């Protein structure tokens, strides 16, 4: 095990896991794979928290990372699953569309969003920092629940492969167990 892998392993904690299936609402396809929220999964260091999430995700085969926030409008990706690591601050996020569920997330939480699941930031602290990434070989696209998106989006979602690794816990992570039976 390399020094960096050892350091990252020390920052990962057993999560308080939430798994929630979000059904098609007629506008947003959502997915039979459950939305996963790992509460307090990462012990966020004071020095460069985004880099910690980037290294953790990349080490587990989730790439194309970016740093930003969460959009304030409903959107979903039809060609990729997405992981969001909350590296600073907190937010209230709605998943599943206008009638979906609302969860509060905070620094150290990790959200794994299956392809097709709508998500939108409702509010956040001023210091919100998020690192996102996608499973190896998957590339995001943007969909907004507009008329005419669904036939193509539904076909794309059906083709999205399951990730090979959990973005936080690797080969033995909860994602592989929760999504394997679907």
Protein backbone atom coordinates (compact mmCIF):
# COMPACT_ATOMS: atom_id res chain seq x y z
CA UNK A 1 0.00 0.00 0.00
CA UNK A 2 1.41 3.40 -0.97
CA UNK A 3 1.77 6.29 1.48
CA UNK A 4 -1.08 8.18 -0.24
CA UNK A 5 -3.39 5.12 -0.11
CA UNK A 6 -2.58 4.69 3.57
CA UNK A 7 -3.35 8.36 4.29
CA UNK A 8 -6.65 8.18 2.42
CA UNK A 9 -7.64 4.97 4.21
CA UNK A 10 -7.22 6.79 7.53
CA UNK A 11 -9.68 9.49 6.36
CA UNK A 12 -12.45 7.03 5.44
CA UNK A 13 -14.92 6.04 8.13
CA UNK A 14 -17.80 3.54 8.22
CA UNK A 15 -20.78 5.45 6.86
CA UNK A 16 -24.27 5.93 8.11
CA UNK A 17 -25.80 4.61 4.88
CA UNK A 18 -29.07 5.75 3.35
CA UNK A 19 -30.33 3.90 0.25
CA UNK A 20 -33.47 5.21 -1.42
CA UNK A 21 -35.12 4.20 -4.70
CA UNK A 22 -36.71 7.07 -6.60
CA UNK A 23 -39.41 6.11 -9.07
CA UNK A 24 -40.13 7.58 -12.50
CA UNK A 25 -42.40 10.60 -11.99
CA UNK A 26 -43.34 11.02 -15.65
CA UNK A 27 -40.92 13.92 -16.11
CA UNK A 28 -37.73 12.52 -14.61
CA UNK A 29 -36.88 8.86 -15.22
CA UNK A 30 -35.01 8.38 -11.95
CA UNK A 31 -33.75 4.81 -11.55
CA UNK A 32 -34.40 1.41 -9.97
CA UNK A 33 -30.89 1.66 -8.54
CA UNK A 34 -31.14 3.44 -5.20
CA UNK A 35 -29.71 6.85 -4.48
CA UNK A 36 -26.96 6.30 -1.88
CA UNK A 37 -25.92 8.80 0.77
CA UNK A 38 -22.95 7.97 2.97
CA UNK A 39 -23.15 10.31 5.94
CA UNK A 40 -19.85 11.18 7.62
CA UNK A 41 -17.96 8.83 5.31
CA UNK A 42 -14.86 11.00 4.94
CA UNK A 43 -13.00 12.72 7.76
CA UNK A 44 -12.31 15.96 5.92
CA UNK A 45 -8.81 17.36 6.54
CA UNK A 46 -8.30 21.10 6.98
CA UNK A 47 -5.61 21.16 4.30
CA UNK A 48 -7.08 21.01 0.73
CA UNK A 49 -10.28 19.01 1.34
CA UNK A 50 -11.19 18.85 -2.39
CA UNK A 51 -7.91 17.07 -3.18
CA UNK A 52 -8.79 14.37 -0.65
CA UNK A 53 -12.03 13.56 -2.45
CA UNK A 54 -10.36 13.72 -5.88
CA UNK A 55 -7.67 11.25 -4.85
CA UNK A 56 -10.15 8.97 -3.11
CA UNK A 57 -12.52 8.85 -6.09
CA UNK A 58 -9.73 8.44 -8.67
CA UNK A 59 -8.14 5.67 -6.61
CA UNK A 60 -11.43 3.79 -6.87
CA UNK A 61 -11.91 4.25 -10.61
CA UNK A 62 -14.14 7.35 -10.61
CA UNK A 63 -12.68 10.01 -12.91
CA UNK A 64 -13.41 13.30 -14.68
CA UNK A 65 -13.54 15.06 -11.34
CA UNK A 66 -14.62 18.66 -10.99
CA UNK A 67 -14.91 21.18 -8.14
CA UNK A 68 -17.97 23.39 -7.77
CA UNK A 69 -21.38 23.18 -6.10
CA UNK A 70 -24.73 21.64 -7.00
CA UNK A 71 -26.92 23.31 -9.62
CA UNK A 72 -30.01 25.15 -8.36
CA UNK A 73 -32.28 23.54 -10.96
CA UNK A 74 -33.47 19.99 -11.55
CA UNK A 75 -31.21 18.07 -13.90
CA UNK A 76 -30.02 14.52 -14.47
CA UNK A 77 -27.40 12.60 -16.40
CA UNK A 78 -28.48 9.82 -18.76
CA UNK A 79 -25.04 8.48 -19.69
CA UNK A 80 -23.32 8.30 -16.30
CA UNK A 81 -23.74 7.71 -12.60
CA UNK A 82 -22.32 10.56 -10.50
CA UNK A 83 -20.65 10.83 -7.11
CA UNK A 84 -20.66 14.07 -5.09
CA UNK A 85 -18.31 14.53 -2.16
CA UNK A 86 -19.22 17.37 0.18
CA UNK A 87 -15.84 18.79 1.10
CA UNK A 88 -17.02 22.02 2.78
CA UNK A 89 -20.23 23.45 4.15
CA UNK A 90 -23.72 22.03 3.87
CA UNK A 91 -26.70 21.96 1.51
CA UNK A 92 -30.33 20.96 1.24
CA UNK A 93 -30.76 18.92 -1.96
CA UNK A 94 -33.88 17.57 -3.65
CA UNK A 95 -33.63 14.26 -5.49
CA UNK A 96 -36.17 12.75 -7.86
CA UNK A 97 -37.85 15.90 -9.21
CA UNK A 98 -40.42 18.38 -7.88
CA UNK A 99 -42.15 15.75 -5.75
CA UNK A 100 -38.96 13.95 -4.76
CA UNK A 101 -37.18 13.65 -1.45
CA UNK A 102 -35.12 16.31 0.29
CA UNK A 103 -31.91 15.54 2.16
CA UNK A 104 -29.51 17.74 4.03
CA UNK A 105 -25.85 16.95 3.41
CA UNK A 106 -22.73 18.29 5.05
CA UNK A 107 -18.97 18.17 4.91
CA UNK A 108 -17.79 14.55 4.90
CA UNK A 109 -20.91 13.17 3.23
CA UNK A 110 -20.81 11.36 -0.12
CA UNK A 111 -23.79 11.10 -2.47
CA UNK A 112 -23.94 8.52 -5.26
CA UNK A 113 -26.56 9.41 -7.84
CA UNK A 114 -27.65 6.74 -10.34
CA UNK A 115 -28.04 7.77 -13.98
CA UNK A 116 -31.46 9.34 -14.52
CA UNK A 117 -31.98 10.59 -10.96
CA UNK A 118 -32.88 14.28 -10.90
CA UNK A 119 -31.09 16.48 -8.38
CA UNK A 120 -31.26 20.16 -7.40
CA UNK A 121 -29.73 22.33 -4.65
CA UNK A 122 -32.49 24.06 -2.69
CA UNK A 123 -30.19 25.97 -0.35
CA UNK A 124 -26.64 25.87 0.97
CA UNK A 125 -24.17 27.46 3.30
CA UNK A 126 -21.99 30.14 1.71
CA UNK A 127 -18.91 27.93 1.89
CA UNK A 128 -20.37 24.88 0.11
CA UNK A 129 -17.68 22.93 -1.72
CA UNK A 130 -18.37 19.82 -3.79
CA UNK A 131 -16.17 17.43 -5.75
CA UNK A 132 -17.91 15.33 -8.37
CA UNK A 133 -16.74 12.41 -10.53
CA UNK A 134 -18.00 9.58 -12.76
CA UNK A 135 -17.17 5.89 -13.10
CA UNK A 136 -14.35 5.08 -15.45
CA UNK A 137 -15.53 5.09 -19.07
CA UNK A 138 -18.69 7.12 -18.39
CA UNK A 139 -19.23 10.68 -19.56
CA UNK A 140 -21.92 12.99 -18.23
CA UNK A 141 -24.59 14.77 -20.21
CA UNK A 142 -27.24 17.26 -19.09
CA UNK A 143 -30.98 16.68 -19.15
CA UNK A 144 -33.58 18.97 -17.58
CA UNK A 145 -36.90 17.13 -17.70
CA UNK A 146 -37.95 18.91 -20.88
CA UNK A 147 -40.46 17.44 -23.34
CA UNK A 148 -38.75 15.25 -25.90
CA UNK A 149 -35.75 14.26 -23.73
CA UNK A 150 -37.19 11.01 -22.44
CA UNK A 151 -36.99 8.54 -25.32
CA UNK A 152 -33.26 9.17 -25.84
CA UNK A 153 -32.55 9.52 -22.11
CA UNK A 154 -34.38 6.28 -21.29
CA UNK A 155 -32.35 4.40 -23.92
CA UNK A 156 -29.11 5.91 -22.59
CA UNK A 157 -29.90 5.05 -18.96
CA UNK A 158 -30.62 1.42 -19.88
CA UNK A 159 -27.09 1.16 -21.34
CA UNK A 160 -25.17 2.68 -18.39
CA UNK A 161 -22.97 0.00 -16.87
CA UNK A 162 -22.61 -0.55 -13.16
CA UNK A 163 -19.40 0.86 -11.68
CA UNK A 164 -16.61 -1.61 -11.02
CA UNK A 165 -15.79 0.01 -7.65
CA UNK A 166 -17.48 1.97 -4.91
CA UNK A 167 -16.06 5.55 -5.13
CA UNK A 168 -15.17 5.58 -1.41
CA UNK A 169 -14.77 1.97 -0.28
CA UNK A 170 -13.48 0.29 -3.43
CA UNK A 171 -14.14 -3.36 -4.26
CA UNK A 172 -15.98 -4.12 -0.99
CA UNK A 173 -18.13 -1.01 -0.81
CA UNK A 174 -21.85 -0.72 -0.09
CA UNK A 175 -22.57 0.47 -3.65
CA UNK A 176 -21.63 -2.92 -5.07
CA UNK A 177 -23.95 -4.68 -2.63
CA UNK A 178 -26.87 -2.27 -2.97
CA UNK A 179 -26.73 -2.11 -6.77
CA UNK A 180 -25.78 -5.76 -7.49
CA UNK A 181 -29.26 -7.21 -7.04
CA UNK A 182 -30.93 -4.69 -9.37
